[in-house]
Amino acid sequence: MILMDSKGDKIQVSVRKDEFNQWSQCLLENNTYVMHNFNVLRSGLQYKACDHVYRMQFTPGTTLKQREFPDVPQ
């Protein structure tokens, strides 16, 4: 998965294969979220989905909650 912030910066997110459908249904395009309990790792993968130096890794304890941020442009 790829996540993008309001400035257009992208970061790759790694999830376990058996959890991918769960996360892909929870994260909807053009929505904003607050996330907790994930790992941040150096992106030393052979095949990268974007050029960010780091990547996120969701864990079984990762939580997210949709939240509106009025200062983030559409």
C-alpha atoms as a PDB file:
ATOM      1  CA  MET A   1       0.000   0.000   0.000  1.00  0.00           C
ATOM      2  CA  ILE A   2       1.028   3.622  -0.463  1.00  0.00           C
ATOM      3  CA  LEU A   3      -0.072   6.436   1.838  1.00  0.00           C
ATOM      4  CA  MET A   4       0.218  10.107   0.884  1.00  0.00           C
ATOM      5  CA  ASP A   5       0.169  13.209   3.062  1.00  0.00           C
ATOM      6  CA  SER A   6      -1.255  16.643   2.283  1.00  0.00           C
ATOM      7  CA  LYS A   7       2.023  17.738   0.640  1.00  0.00           C
ATOM      8  CA  GLY A   8       2.007  14.782  -1.726  1.00  0.00           C
ATOM      9  CA  ASP A   9       4.801  12.899   0.063  1.00  0.00           C
ATOM     10  CA  LYS A  10       4.305   9.138  -0.214  1.00  0.00           C
ATOM     11  CA  ILE A  11       5.352   6.303   2.071  1.00  0.00           C
ATOM     12  CA  GLN A  12       5.091   2.573   1.501  1.00  0.00           C
ATOM     13  CA  VAL A  13       3.107   0.492   3.987  1.00  0.00           C
ATOM     14  CA  SER A  14       3.787  -3.196   4.495  1.00  0.00           C
ATOM     15  CA  VAL A  15       1.021  -5.459   5.766  1.00  0.00           C
ATOM     16  CA  ARG A  16       0.789  -9.200   6.140  1.00  0.00           C
ATOM     17  CA  LYS A  17      -0.782 -10.874   3.135  1.00  0.00           C
ATOM     18  CA  ASP A  18      -3.637 -12.310   5.193  1.00  0.00           C
ATOM     19  CA  GLU A  19      -4.433  -8.834   6.618  1.00  0.00           C
ATOM     20  CA  PHE A  20      -4.295  -6.891   3.343  1.00  0.00           C
ATOM     21  CA  ASN A  21      -8.047  -7.096   2.597  1.00  0.00           C
ATOM     22  CA  GLN A  22      -8.851  -5.870   6.112  1.00  0.00           C
ATOM     23  CA  TRP A  23      -6.638  -2.792   5.758  1.00  0.00           C
ATOM     24  CA  SER A  24      -7.557  -2.018   2.165  1.00  0.00           C
ATOM     25  CA  GLN A  25     -11.237  -1.857   3.179  1.00  0.00           C
ATOM     26  CA  CYS A  26     -10.484   0.388   6.190  1.00  0.00           C
ATOM     27  CA  LEU A  27      -8.385   2.952   4.306  1.00  0.00           C
ATOM     28  CA  LEU A  28     -10.393   4.917   1.784  1.00  0.00           C
ATOM     29  CA  GLU A  29      -8.910   7.288  -0.774  1.00  0.00           C
ATOM     30  CA  ASN A  30      -9.198  11.039   0.013  1.00  0.00           C
ATOM     31  CA  ASN A  31      -9.844  10.429   3.717  1.00  0.00           C
ATOM     32  CA  THR A  32      -7.572  11.374   6.609  1.00  0.00           C
ATOM     33  CA  TYR A  33      -6.705   9.121   9.532  1.00  0.00           C
ATOM     34  CA  VAL A  34      -4.861   9.069  12.841  1.00  0.00           C
ATOM     35  CA  MET A  35      -2.762   5.895  13.190  1.00  0.00           C
ATOM     36  CA  HIS A  36      -1.168   4.320  16.246  1.00  0.00           C
ATOM     37  CA  ASN A  37       1.047   1.309  16.972  1.00  0.00           C
ATOM     38  CA  PHE A  38       2.910   0.728  13.717  1.00  0.00           C
ATOM     39  CA  ASN A  39       6.595   0.218  12.994  1.00  0.00           C
ATOM     40  CA  VAL A  40       8.807   2.594  11.017  1.00  0.00           C
ATOM     41  CA  LEU A  41      11.619   0.833   9.172  1.00  0.00           C
ATOM     42  CA  ARG A  42      14.296   1.842   6.689  1.00  0.00           C
ATOM     43  CA  SER A  43      13.093   1.069   3.210  1.00  0.00           C
ATOM     44  CA  GLY A  44      15.871  -1.216   2.058  1.00  0.00           C
ATOM     45  CA  LEU A  45      13.539  -3.345  -0.020  1.00  0.00           C
ATOM     46  CA  GLN A  46      14.684  -4.529  -3.419  1.00  0.00           C
ATOM     47  CA  TYR A  47      11.410  -3.449  -5.024  1.00  0.00           C
ATOM     48  CA  LYS A  48      10.102  -0.139  -3.698  1.00  0.00           C
ATOM     49  CA  ALA A  49       6.689   1.301  -4.437  1.00  0.00           C
ATOM     50  CA  CYS A  50       7.990   4.853  -3.816  1.00  0.00           C
ATOM     51  CA  ASP A  51      11.278   6.640  -3.114  1.00  0.00           C
ATOM     52  CA  HIS A  52      10.774   7.395   0.602  1.00  0.00           C
ATOM     53  CA  VAL A  53      13.743   6.464   2.830  1.00  0.00           C
ATOM     54  CA  TYR A  54      11.417   4.826   5.367  1.00  0.00           C
ATOM     55  CA  ARG A  55       8.383   2.575   5.223  1.00  0.00           C
ATOM     56  CA  MET A  56       5.593   1.824   7.648  1.00  0.00           C
ATOM     57  CA  GLN A  57       4.719  -1.670   8.792  1.00  0.00           C
ATOM     58  CA  PHE A  58       1.283  -2.325  10.204  1.00  0.00           C
ATOM     59  CA  THR A  59       1.193  -4.791  13.104  1.00  0.00           C
ATOM     60  CA  PRO A  60      -1.683  -6.716  14.687  1.00  0.00           C
ATOM     61  CA  GLY A  61      -1.901  -3.858  17.222  1.00  0.00           C
ATOM     62  CA  THR A  62      -2.115  -1.068  14.636  1.00  0.00           C
ATOM     63  CA  THR A  63      -5.212   1.064  15.011  1.00  0.00           C
ATOM     64  CA  LEU A  64      -6.593   3.858  12.889  1.00  0.00           C
ATOM     65  CA  LYS A  65      -9.445   6.273  13.230  1.00  0.00           C
ATOM     66  CA  GLN A  66     -10.860   8.452  10.494  1.00  0.00           C
ATOM     67  CA  ARG A  67     -10.581  12.115  11.399  1.00  0.00           C
ATOM     68  CA  GLU A  68     -11.320  15.307   9.516  1.00  0.00           C
ATOM     69  CA  PHE A  69      -8.477  17.809   9.322  1.00  0.00           C
ATOM     70  CA  PRO A  70      -9.923  21.097   7.989  1.00  0.00           C
ATOM     71  CA  ASP A  71      -6.447  22.462   7.160  1.00  0.00           C
ATOM     72  CA  VAL A  72      -5.683  19.616   4.735  1.00  0.00           C
ATOM     73  CA  PRO A  73      -6.724  20.657   1.208  1.00  0.00           C
ATOM     74  CA  GLN A  74      -8.793  18.285  -0.936  1.00  0.00           C
END
